[in-house]
C-alpha cells in the first residue's frame, strides 16, 4: 500500500479511496491496507528478515521480499524530504515537534519504530526535536538520552515548534484541539505519517498539510 500511495501522489489520486476499493473485495479485506511510514515492532520485521535470510541460504533471489524491505526502509523517513522542501531545503536550527514514538499505538514498544529513523534524520540535518508519546518516552530516553527534548503533552510539544510530524496513530492525536496547535506552532505545517486528518478540514484551516498517498494541501 505504501507503493500504491507513492503512485497515487504522482497521479493526483487519493490512497484512502483506493484502499476502500481494494478492501471491499472479501478476498483481501480492509484491515491492513493503510498507507503510512512503514511497519515496525519486534515480530514482523524480524520474520521478514528471517525469511529473506533463509532464501539467501539456498541461493534464491526472493525479489518481492527484498523489495518489501527496501520500500519499508525508505518509507520510514518519507516525510523528511517534504519537511526540508517546506523550509527551502534547510532545517538546521529548526525546532520540530514529533507526535508518537512507539511503532504503533497502545504500546510502549519502540523496536524498529519509524519515529527513531525520523529523529536520526532530523538531528543529522541540524534540527532540534521535541517529542511526545503517551507510553514510549522512557524507552526512547534510554536510547537517545538528552539528544532530544520530551514534552509533557502534545500541545507542549508544538509550542514554539516550526512544524509538526505525526509518526504514531494514537487515538488522542486523531481529534486534537487545532486551535491550540495553531497557537503553538510558528508555522501552520503538519507532516502526517498516519493520514489522521481530513484533507478538506486542513485546507479550510489554512494548514500546509502533507500526508501519505494523498494530495498535498498548500498553506494559504
Foldseek 3Di string as FASTA:
>chain_A
DLVLLVVLQVVQHAQVVVLVVVQVPVVRHRDPSFAFQAAFDDPPVVVLVVVCVVCVVVPHCPPVSVVNVVSNVCSLQVCVVVVCVVVVNAQAAFEEEEEDQPLEPPDLHNGRRSVVVNVVVQVVRRYAYEYEYPHNPVVVCVPCPVSHHYAPDRLSRQAAGQEYEYRYPYPQVLDDDVVSNVVRHPALEYEYRRPRDDPVVCLVVQHQYHYTSHDTRHGD
